[in-house]
C-alpha atoms as a PDB file:
ATOM      1  CA  MET A   1       0.134   0.050   0.334  1.00  0.00           C
ATOM      2  CA  THR A   2       1.467   2.945  -0.455  1.00  0.00           C
ATOM      3  CA  ILE A   3       0.942   6.692   1.188  1.00  0.00           C
ATOM      4  CA  ALA A   4      -1.384   7.749  -0.570  1.00  0.00           C
ATOM      5  CA  GLU A   5      -2.870   4.927  -0.684  1.00  0.00           C
ATOM      6  CA  TYR A   6      -2.991   4.171   3.172  1.00  0.00           C
ATOM      7  CA  ILE A   7      -4.307   7.927   3.299  1.00  0.00           C
ATOM      8  CA  TYR A   8      -7.063   7.728   1.269  1.00  0.00           C
ATOM      9  CA  SER A   9      -8.194   4.084   2.550  1.00  0.00           C
ATOM     10  CA  VAL A  10      -7.177   3.952   6.802  1.00  0.00           C
ATOM     11  CA  LEU A  11      -6.802   7.458   8.097  1.00  0.00           C
ATOM     12  CA  LEU A  12      -9.616   9.128   6.285  1.00  0.00           C
ATOM     13  CA  ARG A  13     -12.248   6.689   6.703  1.00  0.00           C
ATOM     14  CA  PRO A  14     -13.713   7.786   9.993  1.00  0.00           C
ATOM     15  CA  LYS A  15     -17.553   9.723   8.648  1.00  0.00           C
ATOM     16  CA  PRO A  16     -16.545  12.846   9.645  1.00  0.00           C
ATOM     17  CA  LEU A  17     -12.790  12.679   8.950  1.00  0.00           C
ATOM     18  CA  ARG A  18     -14.323  11.313   5.335  1.00  0.00           C
ATOM     19  CA  THR A  19     -16.506  13.962   5.002  1.00  0.00           C
ATOM     20  CA  LEU A  20     -14.447  16.401   5.259  1.00  0.00           C
ATOM     21  CA  SER A  21     -12.345  15.070   2.664  1.00  0.00           C
ATOM     22  CA  ASN A  22     -14.623  14.466   0.199  1.00  0.00           C
ATOM     23  CA  ALA A  23     -15.321  18.076   0.814  1.00  0.00           C
ATOM     24  CA  LEU A  24     -11.907  18.815   0.086  1.00  0.00           C
ATOM     25  CA  ILE A  25     -11.315  15.951  -3.052  1.00  0.00           C
ATOM     26  CA  ARG A  26     -14.522  17.186  -4.977  1.00  0.00           C
ATOM     27  CA  ALA A  27     -13.305  21.159  -4.381  1.00  0.00           C
ATOM     28  CA  ALA A  28      -9.601  19.705  -6.362  1.00  0.00           C
ATOM     29  CA  LEU A  29     -10.647  17.347  -8.725  1.00  0.00           C
ATOM     30  CA  PRO A  30      -9.214  17.417 -12.552  1.00  0.00           C
ATOM     31  CA  GLY A  31     -11.816  17.856 -15.021  1.00  0.00           C
ATOM     32  CA  GLN A  32      -9.762  14.925 -16.301  1.00  0.00           C
ATOM     33  CA  ILE A  33      -6.706  12.328 -16.411  1.00  0.00           C
ATOM     34  CA  ARG A  34      -4.123  10.975 -18.422  1.00  0.00           C
ATOM     35  CA  ARG A  35      -2.846   7.776 -17.348  1.00  0.00           C
ATOM     36  CA  ASP A  36      -1.289   5.249 -18.833  1.00  0.00           C
ATOM     37  CA  GLY A  37      -1.588   6.859 -22.257  1.00  0.00           C
ATOM     38  CA  VAL A  38      -5.258   7.934 -22.246  1.00  0.00           C
ATOM     39  CA  ILE A  39      -7.399   9.826 -21.096  1.00  0.00           C
ATOM     40  CA  VAL A  40     -10.389   9.933 -17.636  1.00  0.00           C
ATOM     41  CA  ILE A  41     -13.206  12.551 -18.036  1.00  0.00           C
ATOM     42  CA  LEU A  42     -13.735  12.439 -14.007  1.00  0.00           C
ATOM     43  CA  ASN A  43     -17.279  13.102 -12.600  1.00  0.00           C
ATOM     44  CA  PRO A  44     -17.141  16.750 -10.295  1.00  0.00           C
ATOM     45  CA  ASN A  45     -19.464  14.886  -7.360  1.00  0.00           C
ATOM     46  CA  ASP A  46     -17.562  11.752  -7.172  1.00  0.00           C
ATOM     47  CA  PRO A  47     -14.823  12.021  -4.458  1.00  0.00           C
ATOM     48  CA  VAL A  48     -14.523   8.612  -4.040  1.00  0.00           C
ATOM     49  CA  VAL A  49     -13.747   7.032  -7.906  1.00  0.00           C
ATOM     50  CA  SER A  50     -12.814  10.172  -9.440  1.00  0.00           C
ATOM     51  CA  GLY A  51     -11.554  11.453  -6.263  1.00  0.00           C
ATOM     52  CA  ALA A  52      -9.526   7.678  -5.591  1.00  0.00           C
ATOM     53  CA  LEU A  53      -8.328   8.315  -9.899  1.00  0.00           C
ATOM     54  CA  ALA A  54      -7.097  11.645  -9.505  1.00  0.00           C
ATOM     55  CA  LEU A  55      -4.852  10.608  -6.036  1.00  0.00           C
ATOM     56  CA  ARG A  56      -3.664   7.575  -8.541  1.00  0.00           C
ATOM     57  CA  VAL A  57      -5.184   5.566  -5.393  1.00  0.00           C
ATOM     58  CA  TYR A  58      -7.839   3.463  -7.923  1.00  0.00           C
ATOM     59  CA  GLU A  59      -7.318  -0.403  -8.326  1.00  0.00           C
ATOM     60  CA  ASN A  60      -3.689  -0.195  -8.831  1.00  0.00           C
ATOM     61  CA  ARG A  61      -3.033  -3.893  -8.718  1.00  0.00           C
ATOM     62  CA  GLU A  62      -5.973  -4.446 -10.997  1.00  0.00           C
ATOM     63  CA  ILE A  63      -4.785  -2.107 -13.375  1.00  0.00           C
ATOM     64  CA  ARG A  64      -1.139  -3.813 -13.870  1.00  0.00           C
ATOM     65  CA  PHE A  65      -2.909  -7.267 -14.648  1.00  0.00           C
ATOM     66  CA  PHE A  66      -5.588  -5.790 -16.794  1.00  0.00           C
ATOM     67  CA  LYS A  67      -2.757  -4.057 -18.960  1.00  0.00           C
ATOM     68  CA  SER A  68      -0.845  -7.791 -18.436  1.00  0.00           C
ATOM     69  CA  VAL A  69      -3.774  -9.298 -20.278  1.00  0.00           C
ATOM     70  CA  CYS A  70      -5.430  -6.998 -23.043  1.00  0.00           C
ATOM     71  CA  LYS A  71      -4.367  -8.202 -26.013  1.00  0.00           C
ATOM     72  CA  PRO A  72      -4.908  -6.346 -29.676  1.00  0.00           C
ATOM     73  CA  GLY A  73      -8.104  -7.786 -31.863  1.00  0.00           C
ATOM     74  CA  MET A  74      -9.731  -8.615 -28.463  1.00  0.00           C
ATOM     75  CA  THR A  75     -13.606  -7.872 -27.874  1.00  0.00           C
ATOM     76  CA  PHE A  76     -13.915  -6.411 -24.006  1.00  0.00           C
ATOM     77  CA  LEU A  77     -16.991  -5.893 -21.897  1.00  0.00           C
ATOM     78  CA  ASP A  78     -17.000  -3.485 -19.090  1.00  0.00           C
ATOM     79  CA  VAL A  79     -20.123  -3.764 -17.422  1.00  0.00           C
ATOM     80  CA  GLY A  80     -20.207  -1.176 -14.299  1.00  0.00           C
ATOM     81  CA  ALA A  81     -17.918   1.062 -16.815  1.00  0.00           C
ATOM     82  CA  ASN A  82     -18.633   4.093 -13.754  1.00  0.00           C
ATOM     83  CA  VAL A  83     -16.575   7.167 -15.772  1.00  0.00           C
ATOM     84  CA  GLY A  84     -14.632   4.475 -18.235  1.00  0.00           C
ATOM     85  CA  LEU A  85     -11.493   4.494 -17.056  1.00  0.00           C
ATOM     86  CA  TYR A  86     -10.580  -0.297 -18.087  1.00  0.00           C
ATOM     87  CA  THR A  87     -12.237   0.898 -21.383  1.00  0.00           C
ATOM     88  CA  ALA A  88      -9.883   4.204 -22.064  1.00  0.00           C
ATOM     89  CA  LEU A  89      -6.795   1.694 -20.838  1.00  0.00           C
ATOM     90  CA  ALA A  90      -8.054  -0.997 -22.699  1.00  0.00           C
ATOM     91  CA  LEU A  91      -8.173   1.204 -26.123  1.00  0.00           C
ATOM     92  CA  PRO A  92      -4.359   1.520 -26.593  1.00  0.00           C
ATOM     93  CA  ARG A  93      -4.174  -2.112 -26.451  1.00  0.00           C
ATOM     94  CA  ILE A  94      -6.692  -4.074 -28.237  1.00  0.00           C
ATOM     95  CA  GLY A  95      -5.794  -1.405 -31.044  1.00  0.00           C
ATOM     96  CA  SER A  96      -8.867  -0.762 -33.941  1.00  0.00           C
ATOM     97  CA  THR A  97      -8.687  -4.339 -34.148  1.00  0.00           C
ATOM     98  CA  GLY A  98     -10.565  -4.798 -31.211  1.00  0.00           C
ATOM     99  CA  ARG A  99     -14.338  -3.799 -30.257  1.00  0.00           C
ATOM    100  CA  VAL A 100     -15.611  -3.126 -26.246  1.00  0.00           C
ATOM    101  CA  VAL A 101     -18.743  -2.588 -25.055  1.00  0.00           C
ATOM    102  CA  ALA A 102     -19.226  -0.509 -22.120  1.00  0.00           C
ATOM    103  CA  LEU A 103     -21.826  -0.747 -19.608  1.00  0.00           C
ATOM    104  CA  GLU A 104     -23.576   2.104 -17.710  1.00  0.00           C
ATOM    105  CA  PRO A 105     -26.830   1.795 -16.031  1.00  0.00           C
ATOM    106  CA  ASP A 106     -26.521   5.186 -14.106  1.00  0.00           C
ATOM    107  CA  ARG A 107     -27.280   8.122 -15.944  1.00  0.00           C
ATOM    108  CA  GLU A 108     -25.261  10.480 -14.744  1.00  0.00           C
ATOM    109  CA  SER A 109     -21.210   8.105 -14.725  1.00  0.00           C
ATOM    110  CA  PHE A 110     -23.153   7.208 -17.792  1.00  0.00           C
ATOM    111  CA  GLU A 111     -22.581  11.124 -19.842  1.00  0.00           C
ATOM    112  CA  TYR A 112     -18.515  10.841 -18.054  1.00  0.00           C
ATOM    113  CA  LEU A 113     -18.321   7.915 -19.772  1.00  0.00           C
ATOM    114  CA  ARG A 114     -19.141   8.643 -23.367  1.00  0.00           C
ATOM    115  CA  LYS A 115     -16.845  11.852 -22.630  1.00  0.00           C
ATOM    116  CA  THR A 116     -14.132   9.318 -21.790  1.00  0.00           C
ATOM    117  CA  VAL A 117     -14.701   7.709 -25.115  1.00  0.00           C
ATOM    118  CA  LEU A 118     -14.624  11.322 -27.306  1.00  0.00           C
ATOM    119  CA  ALA A 119     -11.636  12.588 -25.510  1.00  0.00           C
ATOM    120  CA  ASN A 120     -10.012   9.513 -26.300  1.00  0.00           C
ATOM    121  CA  GLY A 121     -11.471   9.537 -30.309  1.00  0.00           C
ATOM    122  CA  ALA A 122     -12.355   5.862 -30.590  1.00  0.00           C
ATOM    123  CA  ASP A 123     -14.953   5.018 -33.068  1.00  0.00           C
ATOM    124  CA  ASN A 124     -14.734   0.623 -31.814  1.00  0.00           C
ATOM    125  CA  VAL A 125     -16.626   1.476 -28.483  1.00  0.00           C
ATOM    126  CA  THR A 126     -19.699   0.528 -28.023  1.00  0.00           C
ATOM    127  CA  CYS A 127     -21.966   2.497 -24.688  1.00  0.00           C
ATOM    128  CA  VAL A 128     -24.919   1.313 -22.975  1.00  0.00           C
ATOM    129  CA  ARG A 129     -27.298   2.662 -20.967  1.00  0.00           C
ATOM    130  CA  LYS A 130     -27.715  -0.061 -19.017  1.00  0.00           C
ATOM    131  CA  ALA A 131     -27.188  -2.594 -16.121  1.00  0.00           C
ATOM    132  CA  ALA A 132     -26.517  -6.745 -16.984  1.00  0.00           C
ATOM    133  CA  ALA A 133     -28.647  -9.392 -15.059  1.00  0.00           C
ATOM    134  CA  ASP A 134     -30.022 -12.316 -15.878  1.00  0.00           C
ATOM    135  CA  PHE A 135     -34.042 -11.155 -16.851  1.00  0.00           C
ATOM    136  CA  SER A 136     -34.756  -8.450 -19.589  1.00  0.00           C
ATOM    137  CA  GLY A 137     -36.629  -5.672 -17.911  1.00  0.00           C
ATOM    138  CA  VAL A 138     -36.770  -2.361 -15.754  1.00  0.00           C
ATOM    139  CA  SER A 139     -35.195  -2.589 -12.221  1.00  0.00           C
ATOM    140  CA  LYS A 140     -34.230  -0.146  -9.736  1.00  0.00           C
ATOM    141  CA  LEU A 141     -31.061   0.914  -9.858  1.00  0.00           C
ATOM    142  CA  PHE A 142     -30.373   1.989  -5.835  1.00  0.00           C
ATOM    143  CA  VAL A 143     -27.918   5.204  -6.433  1.00  0.00           C
ATOM    144  CA  SER A 144     -25.063   6.694  -3.621  1.00  0.00           C
ATOM    145  CA  GLU A 145     -25.113  10.215  -4.482  1.00  0.00           C
ATOM    146  CA  SER A 146     -21.118  10.354  -1.970  1.00  0.00           C
ATOM    147  CA  ASN A 147     -20.380   7.247  -4.384  1.00  0.00           C
ATOM    148  CA  ARG A 148     -21.040   6.511  -8.267  1.00  0.00           C
ATOM    149  CA  GLY A 149     -19.760   3.429  -7.635  1.00  0.00           C
ATOM    150  CA  ASP A 150     -20.960   2.171  -4.848  1.00  0.00           C
ATOM    151  CA  ASN A 151     -24.466   2.273  -6.953  1.00  0.00           C
ATOM    152  CA  ARG A 152     -27.456  -0.749  -6.239  1.00  0.00           C
ATOM    153  CA  LEU A 153     -29.254  -3.096  -8.292  1.00  0.00           C
ATOM    154  CA  TYR A 154     -30.788  -3.930  -4.615  1.00  0.00           C
ATOM    155  CA  LYS A 155     -31.768  -1.443  -1.871  1.00  0.00           C
ATOM    156  CA  SER A 156     -28.464  -0.529   0.933  1.00  0.00           C
ATOM    157  CA  GLU A 157     -28.445   1.414   3.203  1.00  0.00           C
ATOM    158  CA  LEU A 158     -26.548   4.299   2.160  1.00  0.00           C
ATOM    159  CA  SER A 159     -28.656   5.049  -1.384  1.00  0.00           C
ATOM    160  CA  MET A 160     -30.156   8.628  -1.329  1.00  0.00           C
ATOM    161  CA  GLY A 161     -32.749   7.298  -3.902  1.00  0.00           C
ATOM    162  CA  SER A 162     -33.570   5.742  -6.496  1.00  0.00           C
ATOM    163  CA  TYR A 163     -34.681   5.903  -9.893  1.00  0.00           C
ATOM    164  CA  GLU A 164     -35.573   3.532 -12.877  1.00  0.00           C
ATOM    165  CA  VAL A 165     -32.828   1.568 -15.387  1.00  0.00           C
ATOM    166  CA  GLU A 166     -32.949  -0.630 -18.002  1.00  0.00           C
ATOM    167  CA  VAL A 167     -31.859  -3.813 -17.505  1.00  0.00           C
ATOM    168  CA  ALA A 168     -30.790  -7.393 -19.664  1.00  0.00           C
ATOM    169  CA  PRO A 169     -28.690 -10.480 -20.256  1.00  0.00           C
ATOM    170  CA  LEU A 170     -25.459  -9.958 -21.447  1.00  0.00           C
ATOM    171  CA  ASP A 171     -26.418 -12.513 -23.591  1.00  0.00           C
ATOM    172  CA  VAL A 172     -29.109 -11.340 -25.164  1.00  0.00           C
ATOM    173  CA  LEU A 173     -28.155  -7.851 -25.164  1.00  0.00           C
ATOM    174  CA  LEU A 174     -24.572  -9.039 -27.284  1.00  0.00           C
ATOM    175  CA  LYS A 175     -26.104 -11.063 -30.310  1.00  0.00           C
ATOM    176  CA  GLU A 176     -28.145  -8.062 -30.341  1.00  0.00           C
ATOM    177  CA  LEU A 177     -24.822  -6.827 -31.055  1.00  0.00           C
ATOM    178  CA  GLY A 178     -23.464  -9.731 -33.128  1.00  0.00           C
ATOM    179  CA  ILE A 179     -21.125  -9.721 -30.867  1.00  0.00           C
ATOM    180  CA  ALA A 180     -20.994 -13.246 -30.798  1.00  0.00           C
ATOM    181  CA  THR A 181     -17.997 -15.019 -28.134  1.00  0.00           C
ATOM    182  CA  VAL A 182     -15.993 -12.351 -25.867  1.00  0.00           C
ATOM    183  CA  ASP A 183     -11.983 -12.482 -24.592  1.00  0.00           C
ATOM    184  CA  LEU A 184     -11.368 -10.332 -21.677  1.00  0.00           C
ATOM    185  CA  VAL A 185     -14.237  -9.413 -19.052  1.00  0.00           C
ATOM    186  CA  LYS A 186     -14.795  -6.527 -16.406  1.00  0.00           C
ATOM    187  CA  ILE A 187     -17.166  -6.627 -13.581  1.00  0.00           C
ATOM    188  CA  ASP A 188     -17.692  -4.734 -10.580  1.00  0.00           C
ATOM    189  CA  VAL A 189     -21.415  -3.824  -9.690  1.00  0.00           C
ATOM    190  CA  GLN A 190     -21.374  -4.287  -6.221  1.00  0.00           C
ATOM    191  CA  GLY A 191     -22.892  -8.245  -5.030  1.00  0.00           C
ATOM    192  CA  PHE A 192     -24.552  -8.316  -8.362  1.00  0.00           C
ATOM    193  CA  GLU A 193     -22.448 -10.484  -9.647  1.00  0.00           C
ATOM    194  CA  GLY A 194     -24.029 -13.965  -9.444  1.00  0.00           C
ATOM    195  CA  HIS A 195     -26.735 -12.280 -11.985  1.00  0.00           C
ATOM    196  CA  VAL A 196     -24.569 -10.844 -14.808  1.00  0.00           C
ATOM    197  CA  LEU A 197     -22.637 -14.280 -14.927  1.00  0.00           C
ATOM    198  CA  ARG A 198     -26.261 -16.179 -15.097  1.00  0.00           C
ATOM    199  CA  GLY A 199     -27.143 -13.527 -17.746  1.00  0.00           C
ATOM    200  CA  MET A 200     -24.264 -14.249 -20.173  1.00  0.00           C
ATOM    201  CA  ARG A 201     -23.910 -18.508 -20.092  1.00  0.00           C
ATOM    202  CA  GLU A 202     -24.055 -18.897 -23.879  1.00  0.00           C
ATOM    203  CA  THR A 203     -21.487 -16.042 -24.216  1.00  0.00           C
ATOM    204  CA  ILE A 204     -19.135 -17.350 -21.739  1.00  0.00           C
ATOM    205  CA  ALA A 205     -19.371 -21.491 -23.071  1.00  0.00           C
ATOM    206  CA  ARG A 206     -19.036 -19.920 -26.601  1.00  0.00           C
ATOM    207  CA  SER A 207     -15.836 -18.142 -25.626  1.00  0.00           C
ATOM    208  CA  PRO A 208     -12.664 -20.111 -25.711  1.00  0.00           C
ATOM    209  CA  ASN A 209     -10.059 -17.747 -24.587  1.00  0.00           C
ATOM    210  CA  LEU A 210     -12.390 -16.467 -21.720  1.00  0.00           C
ATOM    211  CA  THR A 211     -10.506 -14.023 -18.721  1.00  0.00           C
ATOM    212  CA  ILE A 212     -13.056 -12.430 -16.314  1.00  0.00           C
ATOM    213  CA  LEU A 213     -11.789  -9.910 -13.738  1.00  0.00           C
ATOM    214  CA  MET A 214     -14.541  -9.933 -11.002  1.00  0.00           C
ATOM    215  CA  GLU A 215     -15.390  -7.542  -7.814  1.00  0.00           C
ATOM    216  CA  PHE A 216     -15.805 -10.635  -5.503  1.00  0.00           C
ATOM    217  CA  TRP A 217     -17.784  -9.155  -2.433  1.00  0.00           C
ATOM    218  CA  PRO A 218     -18.834 -11.807  -0.326  1.00  0.00           C
ATOM    219  CA  HIS A 219     -21.497 -10.136   1.522  1.00  0.00           C
ATOM    220  CA  GLY A 220     -22.682  -8.141  -1.262  1.00  0.00           C
ATOM    221  CA  LEU A 221     -23.137 -11.246  -2.803  1.00  0.00           C
ATOM    222  CA  ARG A 222     -25.681 -12.463  -0.183  1.00  0.00           C
ATOM    223  CA  CYS A 223     -27.763  -8.966  -0.130  1.00  0.00           C
ATOM    224  CA  ALA A 224     -27.970  -9.836  -4.080  1.00  0.00           C
ATOM    225  CA  GLN A 225     -29.543 -12.965  -3.114  1.00  0.00           C
ATOM    226  CA  THR A 226     -25.989 -14.440  -3.940  1.00  0.00           C
ATOM    227  CA  ASP A 227     -24.842 -17.877  -2.129  1.00  0.00           C
ATOM    228  CA  PRO A 228     -20.776 -16.500  -2.519  1.00  0.00           C
ATOM    229  CA  ALA A 229     -19.682 -20.464  -2.814  1.00  0.00           C
ATOM    230  CA  GLU A 230     -22.401 -20.634  -5.613  1.00  0.00           C
ATOM    231  CA  LEU A 231     -21.013 -18.230  -7.905  1.00  0.00           C
ATOM    232  CA  LEU A 232     -17.447 -19.939  -7.188  1.00  0.00           C
ATOM    233  CA  SER A 233     -18.855 -23.574  -7.895  1.00  0.00           C
ATOM    234  CA  ASP A 234     -20.776 -22.023 -11.290  1.00  0.00           C
ATOM    235  CA  LEU A 235     -17.125 -20.415 -12.226  1.00  0.00           C
ATOM    236  CA  GLU A 236     -15.547 -23.827 -12.422  1.00  0.00           C
ATOM    237  CA  ASN A 237     -19.265 -25.818 -14.137  1.00  0.00           C
ATOM    238  CA  MET A 238     -18.922 -23.159 -16.616  1.00  0.00           C
ATOM    239  CA  GLY A 239     -15.092 -23.982 -17.515  1.00  0.00           C
ATOM    240  CA  LEU A 240     -13.466 -21.490 -15.477  1.00  0.00           C
ATOM    241  CA  ARG A 241     -10.189 -20.966 -13.476  1.00  0.00           C
ATOM    242  CA  ILE A 242     -10.850 -19.417 -10.351  1.00  0.00           C
ATOM    243  CA  LEU A 243      -7.401 -17.032  -9.665  1.00  0.00           C
ATOM    244  CA  GLU A 244      -6.424 -14.894  -7.528  1.00  0.00           C
ATOM    245  CA  LEU A 245      -4.995 -11.628  -8.448  1.00  0.00           C
ATOM    246  CA  ASN A 246      -1.386 -12.807  -7.804  1.00  0.00           C
ATOM    247  CA  LEU A 247      -2.635 -15.696 -10.235  1.00  0.00           C
ATOM    248  CA  ARG A 248      -2.513 -18.105  -7.506  1.00  0.00           C
ATOM    249  CA  PRO A 249      -5.304 -20.975  -7.841  1.00  0.00           C
ATOM    250  CA  VAL A 250      -8.642 -20.786  -5.398  1.00  0.00           C
ATOM    251  CA  LYS A 251      -8.573 -24.426  -3.702  1.00  0.00           C
ATOM    252  CA  ASP A 252     -10.782 -23.182  -0.689  1.00  0.00           C
ATOM    253  CA  TYR A 253     -13.725 -21.406  -1.138  1.00  0.00           C
ATOM    254  CA  ARG A 254     -14.568 -21.062   2.447  1.00  0.00           C
ATOM    255  CA  ALA A 255     -11.459 -19.814   4.021  1.00  0.00           C
ATOM    256  CA  LEU A 256     -11.773 -16.903   0.873  1.00  0.00           C
ATOM    257  CA  ILE A 257     -15.292 -16.318   1.847  1.00  0.00           C
ATOM    258  CA  GLU A 258     -14.738 -15.973   5.295  1.00  0.00           C
ATOM    259  CA  LYS A 259     -11.193 -13.841   4.563  1.00  0.00           C
ATOM    260  CA  TYR A 260     -13.124 -10.967   3.323  1.00  0.00           C
ATOM    261  CA  PRO A 261     -16.353  -9.651   6.459  1.00  0.00           C
ATOM    262  CA  GLY A 262     -18.535  -7.128   5.240  1.00  0.00           C
ATOM    263  CA  ARG A 263     -17.418  -4.470   3.577  1.00  0.00           C
ATOM    264  CA  GLN A 264     -13.966  -6.016   2.730  1.00  0.00           C
ATOM    265  CA  TYR A 265     -13.978  -7.483  -0.853  1.00  0.00           C
ATOM    266  CA  THR A 266     -10.850  -8.830  -2.944  1.00  0.00           C
ATOM    267  CA  ASN A 267     -11.317  -9.657  -7.425  1.00  0.00           C
ATOM    268  CA  LEU A 268     -11.026 -12.430  -8.458  1.00  0.00           C
ATOM    269  CA  VAL A 269      -9.448 -13.942 -11.795  1.00  0.00           C
ATOM    270  CA  ALA A 270     -11.938 -16.516 -14.003  1.00  0.00           C
ATOM    271  CA  SER A 271      -9.823 -18.063 -16.877  1.00  0.00           C
ATOM    272  CA  LYS A 272     -10.132 -20.345 -19.410  1.00  0.00           C
ATOM    273  CA  GLN A 273      -6.223 -20.178 -20.056  1.00  0.00           C
END
């Protein structure tokens, strides 16, 4: 953990300090950042995700892994794209022969996602203002005003309101876009990952080179009516190896789940490679 990461995630965690720091971060946020050769347009109302990006403390290990596996010609699916960091990072790596589909249901975050895509001059990105799920229709998105990365498709004690958004299974959405297989998927949907995966079973079965980078938050999964151990079993049953970010295989589901109680989470890799 860097000094900046320690200050942001540990010293400023108490609520009074976090409230003050959020106000200061909002006031100091730049309109955009440059990272690894790409531009990301920040949301000035979001001190958490956009703030962490500006402070360079956002998912640094995950970003290193993502860059290591993102290759020319890939089809990349960004599920829960927020302002478009991973979408932007993919662009110089997949090149003109690759393709990106970025999903973001939150109307505010979606506008910054579109601005990020435009800022990078990309013409091989499809932005979709929908949430991935295991059914088609509409659902309530419960919104966190202080952390646009903590919007959820289930009621949360931290939400400050809600509105309806369109939802669709990825199998259906990708078929509409004429995409049969994908190579790389990032999923960060605050515990709704089980529903996302259930809605893309056909795509997973058809994608021989698939790698998934996925948030694994046991408490959030349970809140979204998904058993964490069943999710891991489902991934293995779909032919995916489950790995930690250091690529060490996950062998003990119970130990992994117990390691991350409450608000604690990690990111896992599920791969056919």
